[in-house]
Amino acid sequence: MKPSGLEGRLALVTGAGGGIGAAVVRQLLDEGARVVASDLNTAMLADLACTTHALDVRDSTAVDALVTRIEAEQGPIDFGVNVAGVLATGLVTETDDGAWRQVFAVNTDGVFHVSRALARVMTPRQRGAIVTVSSNAAGVPRHAMAAYAASKAASTMFTRCLGMELAPHGIRCNIVAPGSTLTPMQTGMWADDSGAKKVIAGSLETFKSGIPLGKLASPDDIADAIVFLLSDRAAHITMADLYVDGGATQRA
């Protein structure tokens, strides 16, 4: 099998405190990569066997400062993974301005801030790879999730446009769009222990399809796709939007 090309190279992962982000960090470390894990809640980073930093991706000055610090202290950043995100639910008529702005500040502005900072340092080196974690909600309408879906759709198209700009510089930008994944974000929406069964079955009432594979994704399922897209095994893939949702969106 072709080597992954990850060994010894440096990755910055946002939203690394749990769920998908922590799984990405663990898998990169298993591949021999060096990792800087960041999250707003630093206590959640304590169990990760790598360098960790507090980071609020909403703050572009803080993002730029961290990228500069990493480059000075640990060397060039080869990979970036945008995992930091927040969930917002509720009908549009019940969504206030603050809730709308908050979900875009993290899910869209945060991706812009981190990706821009990485693009600026990667471009002169003519190499690098960035993966943004979006959602299958970015591609299909979802009941009572308009703000979240719209923010993820914006970050998806931003990443694809960035990929077009950076392709001539040898930098690849891709998106992984998870479906329902067994993380605190998912379980926090469940009213009782039957939550998983209901998600897998789908809901006619809210026009939501079920999951043909009959199971929720694990964080490692999503991390597998992310690490693949960072690796040399995906050397000719850029601007791709990979749905990892057990067939829930039935998207070609």
C-alpha atoms as a PDB file:
ATOM      1  CA  MET A   1       0.000   0.000   0.000  1.00  0.00           C
ATOM      2  CA  LYS A   2       1.150   3.518  -0.755  1.00  0.00           C
ATOM      3  CA  PRO A   3       2.521   5.249   2.373  1.00  0.00           C
ATOM      4  CA  SER A   4       0.267   7.877   3.933  1.00  0.00           C
ATOM      5  CA  GLY A   5       2.995  10.512   3.931  1.00  0.00           C
ATOM      6  CA  LEU A   6       1.837  11.737   7.343  1.00  0.00           C
ATOM      7  CA  GLU A   7       4.771  10.587   9.452  1.00  0.00           C
ATOM      8  CA  GLY A   8       6.770  13.421  10.967  1.00  0.00           C
ATOM      9  CA  ARG A   9       4.601  16.122   9.461  1.00  0.00           C
ATOM     10  CA  LEU A  10       2.725  18.725  11.499  1.00  0.00           C
ATOM     11  CA  ALA A  11      -1.051  19.151  11.731  1.00  0.00           C
ATOM     12  CA  LEU A  12      -3.247  21.741  13.425  1.00  0.00           C
ATOM     13  CA  VAL A  13      -6.651  20.432  14.517  1.00  0.00           C
ATOM     14  CA  THR A  14      -9.367  22.744  15.869  1.00  0.00           C
ATOM     15  CA  GLY A  15     -12.251  21.521  17.981  1.00  0.00           C
ATOM     16  CA  ALA A  16     -10.005  18.710  19.199  1.00  0.00           C
ATOM     17  CA  GLY A  17     -11.482  18.419  22.681  1.00  0.00           C
ATOM     18  CA  GLY A  18     -13.872  15.596  21.947  1.00  0.00           C
ATOM     19  CA  GLY A  19     -15.817  13.552  19.441  1.00  0.00           C
ATOM     20  CA  ILE A  20     -14.566  13.817  15.884  1.00  0.00           C
ATOM     21  CA  GLY A  21     -11.731  16.226  16.702  1.00  0.00           C
ATOM     22  CA  ALA A  22     -10.188  13.960  19.332  1.00  0.00           C
ATOM     23  CA  ALA A  23     -10.523  10.965  17.004  1.00  0.00           C
ATOM     24  CA  VAL A  24      -8.670  12.863  14.273  1.00  0.00           C
ATOM     25  CA  VAL A  25      -5.862  13.722  16.685  1.00  0.00           C
ATOM     26  CA  ARG A  26      -5.491  10.107  17.815  1.00  0.00           C
ATOM     27  CA  GLN A  27      -5.434   8.767  14.272  1.00  0.00           C
ATOM     28  CA  LEU A  28      -2.877  11.322  13.111  1.00  0.00           C
ATOM     29  CA  LEU A  29      -0.654  10.439  16.049  1.00  0.00           C
ATOM     30  CA  ASP A  30      -1.028   6.758  15.189  1.00  0.00           C
ATOM     31  CA  GLU A  31       0.190   7.591  11.675  1.00  0.00           C
ATOM     32  CA  GLY A  32       3.288   9.215  13.146  1.00  0.00           C
ATOM     33  CA  ALA A  33       2.228  12.804  12.536  1.00  0.00           C
ATOM     34  CA  ARG A  34       2.980  15.600  14.957  1.00  0.00           C
ATOM     35  CA  VAL A  35      -0.187  17.339  16.119  1.00  0.00           C
ATOM     36  CA  VAL A  36      -1.195  20.621  17.695  1.00  0.00           C
ATOM     37  CA  ALA A  37      -4.671  20.191  19.171  1.00  0.00           C
ATOM     38  CA  SER A  38      -6.755  23.257  19.924  1.00  0.00           C
ATOM     39  CA  ASP A  39     -10.111  23.906  21.516  1.00  0.00           C
ATOM     40  CA  LEU A  40     -11.913  26.667  23.359  1.00  0.00           C
ATOM     41  CA  ASN A  41     -12.165  24.371  26.399  1.00  0.00           C
ATOM     42  CA  THR A  42      -8.583  23.370  27.213  1.00  0.00           C
ATOM     43  CA  ALA A  43      -9.678  20.957  29.952  1.00  0.00           C
ATOM     44  CA  MET A  44     -11.042  18.704  27.217  1.00  0.00           C
ATOM     45  CA  LEU A  45      -7.566  18.441  25.673  1.00  0.00           C
ATOM     46  CA  ALA A  46      -5.917  16.972  28.766  1.00  0.00           C
ATOM     47  CA  ASP A  47      -5.968  13.349  27.584  1.00  0.00           C
ATOM     48  CA  LEU A  48      -4.374  14.032  24.197  1.00  0.00           C
ATOM     49  CA  ALA A  49      -0.720  13.046  23.841  1.00  0.00           C
ATOM     50  CA  CYS A  50       0.328  16.091  21.852  1.00  0.00           C
ATOM     51  CA  THR A  51       0.851  19.839  22.078  1.00  0.00           C
ATOM     52  CA  THR A  52      -2.362  21.639  23.016  1.00  0.00           C
ATOM     53  CA  HIS A  53      -3.469  25.253  22.904  1.00  0.00           C
ATOM     54  CA  ALA A  54      -6.601  27.187  23.778  1.00  0.00           C
ATOM     55  CA  LEU A  55      -8.154  28.756  20.697  1.00  0.00           C
ATOM     56  CA  ASP A  56     -11.337  30.670  19.991  1.00  0.00           C
ATOM     57  CA  VAL A  57     -11.738  30.327  16.225  1.00  0.00           C
ATOM     58  CA  ARG A  58     -14.118  33.305  16.237  1.00  0.00           C
ATOM     59  CA  ASP A  59     -11.136  35.554  17.009  1.00  0.00           C
ATOM     60  CA  SER A  60      -9.062  36.070  13.860  1.00  0.00           C
ATOM     61  CA  THR A  61      -6.261  37.779  15.791  1.00  0.00           C
ATOM     62  CA  ALA A  62      -5.947  34.776  18.109  1.00  0.00           C
ATOM     63  CA  VAL A  63      -5.962  32.388  15.151  1.00  0.00           C
ATOM     64  CA  ASP A  64      -3.215  34.300  13.354  1.00  0.00           C
ATOM     65  CA  ALA A  65      -1.154  34.480  16.553  1.00  0.00           C
ATOM     66  CA  LEU A  66      -1.408  30.737  17.170  1.00  0.00           C
ATOM     67  CA  VAL A  67      -0.402  29.854  13.611  1.00  0.00           C
ATOM     68  CA  THR A  68       2.570  32.208  13.877  1.00  0.00           C
ATOM     69  CA  ARG A  69       3.569  30.678  17.222  1.00  0.00           C
ATOM     70  CA  ILE A  70       3.315  27.105  15.950  1.00  0.00           C
ATOM     71  CA  GLU A  71       5.386  27.920  12.877  1.00  0.00           C
ATOM     72  CA  ALA A  72       8.066  29.540  15.044  1.00  0.00           C
ATOM     73  CA  GLU A  73       8.183  26.866  17.760  1.00  0.00           C
ATOM     74  CA  GLN A  74       7.431  23.622  15.949  1.00  0.00           C
ATOM     75  CA  GLY A  75       8.059  24.211  12.286  1.00  0.00           C
ATOM     76  CA  PRO A  76       5.877  24.466   9.203  1.00  0.00           C
ATOM     77  CA  ILE A  77       2.259  23.364   9.428  1.00  0.00           C
ATOM     78  CA  ASP A  78       1.547  20.780   6.743  1.00  0.00           C
ATOM     79  CA  PHE A  79      -2.105  20.022   7.515  1.00  0.00           C
ATOM     80  CA  GLY A  80      -5.121  21.824   8.898  1.00  0.00           C
ATOM     81  CA  VAL A  81      -8.387  20.266  10.076  1.00  0.00           C
ATOM     82  CA  ASN A  82     -11.372  22.502  10.821  1.00  0.00           C
ATOM     83  CA  VAL A  83     -13.483  20.563  13.309  1.00  0.00           C
ATOM     84  CA  ALA A  84     -14.592  23.315  15.716  1.00  0.00           C
ATOM     85  CA  GLY A  85     -18.341  23.749  15.441  1.00  0.00           C
ATOM     86  CA  VAL A  86     -21.546  24.378  17.344  1.00  0.00           C
ATOM     87  CA  LEU A  87     -25.079  23.128  16.837  1.00  0.00           C
ATOM     88  CA  ALA A  88     -28.119  25.379  16.612  1.00  0.00           C
ATOM     89  CA  THR A  89     -31.669  24.069  16.435  1.00  0.00           C
ATOM     90  CA  GLY A  90     -35.021  25.788  16.289  1.00  0.00           C
ATOM     91  CA  LEU A  91     -37.534  27.140  13.817  1.00  0.00           C
ATOM     92  CA  VAL A  92     -36.486  30.179  11.826  1.00  0.00           C
ATOM     93  CA  THR A  93     -39.321  32.213  13.353  1.00  0.00           C
ATOM     94  CA  GLU A  94     -37.933  31.434  16.809  1.00  0.00           C
ATOM     95  CA  THR A  95     -34.246  32.074  16.009  1.00  0.00           C
ATOM     96  CA  ASP A  96     -32.983  35.387  17.328  1.00  0.00           C
ATOM     97  CA  ASP A  97     -30.163  37.462  15.845  1.00  0.00           C
ATOM     98  CA  GLY A  98     -27.680  36.404  18.512  1.00  0.00           C
ATOM     99  CA  ALA A  99     -28.189  32.683  17.942  1.00  0.00           C
ATOM    100  CA  TRP A 100     -27.836  33.123  14.171  1.00  0.00           C
ATOM    101  CA  ARG A 101     -24.631  35.123  14.518  1.00  0.00           C
ATOM    102  CA  GLN A 102     -23.110  32.732  17.047  1.00  0.00           C
ATOM    103  CA  VAL A 103     -23.482  29.651  14.852  1.00  0.00           C
ATOM    104  CA  PHE A 104     -22.019  31.491  11.861  1.00  0.00           C
ATOM    105  CA  ALA A 105     -19.211  32.948  13.991  1.00  0.00           C
ATOM    106  CA  VAL A 106     -17.962  29.457  14.867  1.00  0.00           C
ATOM    107  CA  ASN A 107     -18.991  27.285  11.933  1.00  0.00           C
ATOM    108  CA  THR A 108     -18.286  29.733   9.108  1.00  0.00           C
ATOM    109  CA  ASP A 109     -16.114  32.595  10.362  1.00  0.00           C
ATOM    110  CA  GLY A 110     -13.947  30.119  12.281  1.00  0.00           C
ATOM    111  CA  VAL A 111     -13.291  28.055   9.165  1.00  0.00           C
ATOM    112  CA  PHE A 112     -12.450  31.243   7.268  1.00  0.00           C
ATOM    113  CA  HIS A 113     -10.060  32.497   9.959  1.00  0.00           C
ATOM    114  CA  VAL A 114      -8.156  29.227  10.334  1.00  0.00           C
ATOM    115  CA  SER A 115      -8.052  28.384   6.635  1.00  0.00           C
ATOM    116  CA  ARG A 116      -6.913  31.885   5.677  1.00  0.00           C
ATOM    117  CA  ALA A 117      -4.100  31.813   8.224  1.00  0.00           C
ATOM    118  CA  LEU A 118      -2.964  28.396   6.995  1.00  0.00           C
ATOM    119  CA  ALA A 119      -3.217  29.386   3.341  1.00  0.00           C
ATOM    120  CA  ARG A 120      -0.928  32.336   3.983  1.00  0.00           C
ATOM    121  CA  VAL A 121       1.857  30.169   5.405  1.00  0.00           C
ATOM    122  CA  MET A 122       1.348  27.187   3.095  1.00  0.00           C
ATOM    123  CA  THR A 123       1.324  29.120  -0.185  1.00  0.00           C
ATOM    124  CA  PRO A 124       5.009  30.141  -0.180  1.00  0.00           C
ATOM    125  CA  ARG A 125       5.960  26.501   0.501  1.00  0.00           C
ATOM    126  CA  GLN A 126       3.737  25.219  -2.332  1.00  0.00           C
ATOM    127  CA  ARG A 127       2.356  22.334  -0.316  1.00  0.00           C
ATOM    128  CA  GLY A 128      -0.257  21.449   2.293  1.00  0.00           C
ATOM    129  CA  ALA A 129      -3.744  20.048   2.813  1.00  0.00           C
ATOM    130  CA  ILE A 130      -6.807  21.383   4.619  1.00  0.00           C
ATOM    131  CA  VAL A 131      -9.973  19.473   5.522  1.00  0.00           C
ATOM    132  CA  THR A 132     -13.142  21.148   6.772  1.00  0.00           C
ATOM    133  CA  VAL A 133     -15.691  19.137   8.723  1.00  0.00           C
ATOM    134  CA  SER A 134     -19.087  20.204   7.453  1.00  0.00           C
ATOM    135  CA  SER A 135     -22.364  18.251   7.693  1.00  0.00           C
ATOM    136  CA  ASN A 136     -24.767  16.420   5.438  1.00  0.00           C
ATOM    137  CA  ALA A 137     -27.202  19.114   6.587  1.00  0.00           C
ATOM    138  CA  ALA A 138     -25.280  21.464   4.284  1.00  0.00           C
ATOM    139  CA  GLY A 139     -26.664  19.605   1.271  1.00  0.00           C
ATOM    140  CA  VAL A 140     -30.254  18.774   2.209  1.00  0.00           C
ATOM    141  CA  PRO A 141     -32.925  20.887   3.932  1.00  0.00           C
ATOM    142  CA  ARG A 142     -33.372  20.038   7.601  1.00  0.00           C
ATOM    143  CA  HIS A 143     -36.380  20.890   9.742  1.00  0.00           C
ATOM    144  CA  ALA A 144     -35.590  23.303  12.612  1.00  0.00           C
ATOM    145  CA  MET A 145     -31.898  23.463  11.672  1.00  0.00           C
ATOM    146  CA  ALA A 146     -31.761  26.349   9.212  1.00  0.00           C
ATOM    147  CA  ALA A 147     -28.999  28.314  10.939  1.00  0.00           C
ATOM    148  CA  TYR A 148     -26.764  25.264  11.388  1.00  0.00           C
ATOM    149  CA  ALA A 149     -27.357  23.977   7.862  1.00  0.00           C
ATOM    150  CA  ALA A 150     -26.754  27.392   6.324  1.00  0.00           C
ATOM    151  CA  SER A 151     -23.530  27.899   8.277  1.00  0.00           C
ATOM    152  CA  LYS A 152     -22.225  24.519   7.184  1.00  0.00           C
ATOM    153  CA  ALA A 153     -23.235  25.130   3.566  1.00  0.00           C
ATOM    154  CA  ALA A 154     -21.300  28.400   3.660  1.00  0.00           C
ATOM    155  CA  SER A 155     -18.174  26.757   5.087  1.00  0.00           C
ATOM    156  CA  THR A 156     -18.450  23.991   2.486  1.00  0.00           C
ATOM    157  CA  MET A 157     -18.531  26.360  -0.473  1.00  0.00           C
ATOM    158  CA  PHE A 158     -15.837  28.533   1.088  1.00  0.00           C
ATOM    159  CA  THR A 159     -13.537  25.514   1.341  1.00  0.00           C
ATOM    160  CA  ARG A 160     -14.209  24.500  -2.250  1.00  0.00           C
ATOM    161  CA  CYS A 161     -13.472  28.033  -3.481  1.00  0.00           C
ATOM    162  CA  LEU A 162     -10.314  28.111  -1.395  1.00  0.00           C
ATOM    163  CA  GLY A 163      -9.320  24.815  -2.940  1.00  0.00           C
ATOM    164  CA  MET A 164      -9.631  26.338  -6.400  1.00  0.00           C
ATOM    165  CA  GLU A 165      -7.437  29.274  -5.405  1.00  0.00           C
ATOM    166  CA  LEU A 166      -4.787  27.113  -3.753  1.00  0.00           C
ATOM    167  CA  ALA A 167      -4.638  24.237  -6.244  1.00  0.00           C
ATOM    168  CA  PRO A 168      -2.003  25.967  -8.414  1.00  0.00           C
ATOM    169  CA  HIS A 169       0.163  26.123  -5.274  1.00  0.00           C
ATOM    170  CA  GLY A 170      -0.050  22.378  -4.639  1.00  0.00           C
ATOM    171  CA  ILE A 171      -2.411  22.780  -1.672  1.00  0.00           C
ATOM    172  CA  ARG A 172      -5.482  20.565  -1.467  1.00  0.00           C
ATOM    173  CA  CYS A 173      -8.728  21.589   0.276  1.00  0.00           C
ATOM    174  CA  ASN A 174     -11.519  19.093   0.900  1.00  0.00           C
ATOM    175  CA  ILE A 175     -14.690  18.677   2.935  1.00  0.00           C
ATOM    176  CA  VAL A 176     -15.975  15.763   4.980  1.00  0.00           C
ATOM    177  CA  ALA A 177     -19.719  15.951   5.633  1.00  0.00           C
ATOM    178  CA  PRO A 178     -20.765  13.635   8.469  1.00  0.00           C
ATOM    179  CA  GLY A 179     -24.279  12.516   9.126  1.00  0.00           C
ATOM    180  CA  SER A 180     -25.539  11.506  12.558  1.00  0.00           C
ATOM    181  CA  THR A 181     -22.461  10.605  14.596  1.00  0.00           C
ATOM    182  CA  LEU A 182     -22.259   9.314  18.155  1.00  0.00           C
ATOM    183  CA  THR A 183     -20.926  12.471  19.796  1.00  0.00           C
ATOM    184  CA  PRO A 184     -22.225  14.717  22.594  1.00  0.00           C
ATOM    185  CA  MET A 185     -23.599  17.065  19.918  1.00  0.00           C
ATOM    186  CA  GLN A 186     -25.814  14.239  18.675  1.00  0.00           C
ATOM    187  CA  THR A 187     -26.839  12.727  22.004  1.00  0.00           C
ATOM    188  CA  GLY A 188     -27.635  16.182  23.357  1.00  0.00           C
ATOM    189  CA  MET A 189     -30.620  16.275  21.006  1.00  0.00           C
ATOM    190  CA  TRP A 190     -32.098  13.023  22.312  1.00  0.00           C
ATOM    191  CA  ALA A 191     -35.014  13.071  24.729  1.00  0.00           C
ATOM    192  CA  ASP A 192     -34.527   9.487  25.938  1.00  0.00           C
ATOM    193  CA  ASP A 193     -32.640   6.228  25.394  1.00  0.00           C
ATOM    194  CA  SER A 194     -34.481   5.577  22.147  1.00  0.00           C
ATOM    195  CA  GLY A 195     -32.712   8.490  20.451  1.00  0.00           C
ATOM    196  CA  ALA A 196     -30.372   6.376  18.343  1.00  0.00           C
ATOM    197  CA  LYS A 197     -33.168   4.101  17.148  1.00  0.00           C
ATOM    198  CA  LYS A 198     -35.262   7.103  16.101  1.00  0.00           C
ATOM    199  CA  VAL A 199     -32.388   8.726  14.196  1.00  0.00           C
ATOM    200  CA  ILE A 200     -31.640   5.507  12.335  1.00  0.00           C
ATOM    201  CA  ALA A 201     -35.331   5.044  11.435  1.00  0.00           C
ATOM    202  CA  GLY A 202     -35.819   8.624  10.254  1.00  0.00           C
ATOM    203  CA  SER A 203     -38.868  10.818  10.730  1.00  0.00           C
ATOM    204  CA  LEU A 204     -41.741  11.428   8.306  1.00  0.00           C
ATOM    205  CA  GLU A 205     -42.981  14.209  10.572  1.00  0.00           C
ATOM    206  CA  THR A 206     -39.800  16.248  10.067  1.00  0.00           C
ATOM    207  CA  PHE A 207     -39.102  14.980   6.524  1.00  0.00           C
ATOM    208  CA  LYS A 208     -35.826  13.368   7.638  1.00  0.00           C
ATOM    209  CA  SER A 209     -34.622  10.191   5.972  1.00  0.00           C
ATOM    210  CA  GLY A 210     -33.230   7.308   7.974  1.00  0.00           C
ATOM    211  CA  ILE A 211     -29.801   5.720   7.689  1.00  0.00           C
ATOM    212  CA  PRO A 212     -29.677   2.851   5.163  1.00  0.00           C
ATOM    213  CA  LEU A 213     -26.641   1.254   6.833  1.00  0.00           C
ATOM    214  CA  GLY A 214     -28.708   0.951  10.000  1.00  0.00           C
ATOM    215  CA  LYS A 215     -26.242   2.510  12.421  1.00  0.00           C
ATOM    216  CA  LEU A 216     -24.816   5.791  13.615  1.00  0.00           C
ATOM    217  CA  ALA A 217     -21.292   6.757  12.634  1.00  0.00           C
ATOM    218  CA  SER A 218     -18.570   6.611  15.244  1.00  0.00           C
ATOM    219  CA  PRO A 219     -16.115   9.511  15.531  1.00  0.00           C
ATOM    220  CA  ASP A 220     -13.452   7.188  14.118  1.00  0.00           C
ATOM    221  CA  ASP A 221     -15.578   6.574  11.019  1.00  0.00           C
ATOM    222  CA  ILE A 222     -15.422  10.276  10.279  1.00  0.00           C
ATOM    223  CA  ALA A 223     -11.755  10.587  11.253  1.00  0.00           C
ATOM    224  CA  ASP A 224     -10.888   7.766   8.825  1.00  0.00           C
ATOM    225  CA  ALA A 225     -12.168   9.887   5.941  1.00  0.00           C
ATOM    226  CA  ILE A 226     -10.442  13.044   7.174  1.00  0.00           C
ATOM    227  CA  VAL A 227      -7.052  11.394   7.627  1.00  0.00           C
ATOM    228  CA  PHE A 228      -7.348   9.768   4.202  1.00  0.00           C
ATOM    229  CA  LEU A 229      -7.973  13.153   2.563  1.00  0.00           C
ATOM    230  CA  LEU A 230      -4.960  14.640   4.329  1.00  0.00           C
ATOM    231  CA  SER A 231      -2.734  11.776   3.244  1.00  0.00           C
ATOM    232  CA  ASP A 232      -0.708  11.177   0.102  1.00  0.00           C
ATOM    233  CA  ARG A 233      -3.239   8.473  -0.775  1.00  0.00           C
ATOM    234  CA  ALA A 234      -5.569  11.345  -1.721  1.00  0.00           C
ATOM    235  CA  ALA A 235      -2.867  13.250  -3.600  1.00  0.00           C
ATOM    236  CA  HIS A 236      -5.095  13.989  -6.608  1.00  0.00           C
ATOM    237  CA  ILE A 237      -8.255  14.871  -4.666  1.00  0.00           C
ATOM    238  CA  THR A 238      -9.181  18.488  -4.023  1.00  0.00           C
ATOM    239  CA  MET A 239     -12.427  20.458  -3.692  1.00  0.00           C
ATOM    240  CA  ALA A 240     -14.237  17.184  -2.920  1.00  0.00           C
ATOM    241  CA  ASP A 241     -17.261  17.101  -0.604  1.00  0.00           C
ATOM    242  CA  LEU A 242     -17.311  13.601   0.888  1.00  0.00           C
ATOM    243  CA  TYR A 243     -20.513  12.548   2.647  1.00  0.00           C
ATOM    244  CA  VAL A 244     -19.923  10.030   5.437  1.00  0.00           C
ATOM    245  CA  ASP A 245     -23.470   9.391   6.594  1.00  0.00           C
ATOM    246  CA  GLY A 246     -24.354   5.768   5.977  1.00  0.00           C
ATOM    247  CA  GLY A 247     -26.319   6.749   2.879  1.00  0.00           C
ATOM    248  CA  ALA A 248     -28.736   9.018   4.754  1.00  0.00           C
ATOM    249  CA  THR A 249     -28.780  11.771   2.152  1.00  0.00           C
ATOM    250  CA  GLN A 250     -28.977   9.353  -0.796  1.00  0.00           C
ATOM    251  CA  ARG A 251     -26.760  11.851  -2.585  1.00  0.00           C
ATOM    252  CA  ALA A 252     -24.926  11.027  -5.803  1.00  0.00           C
END
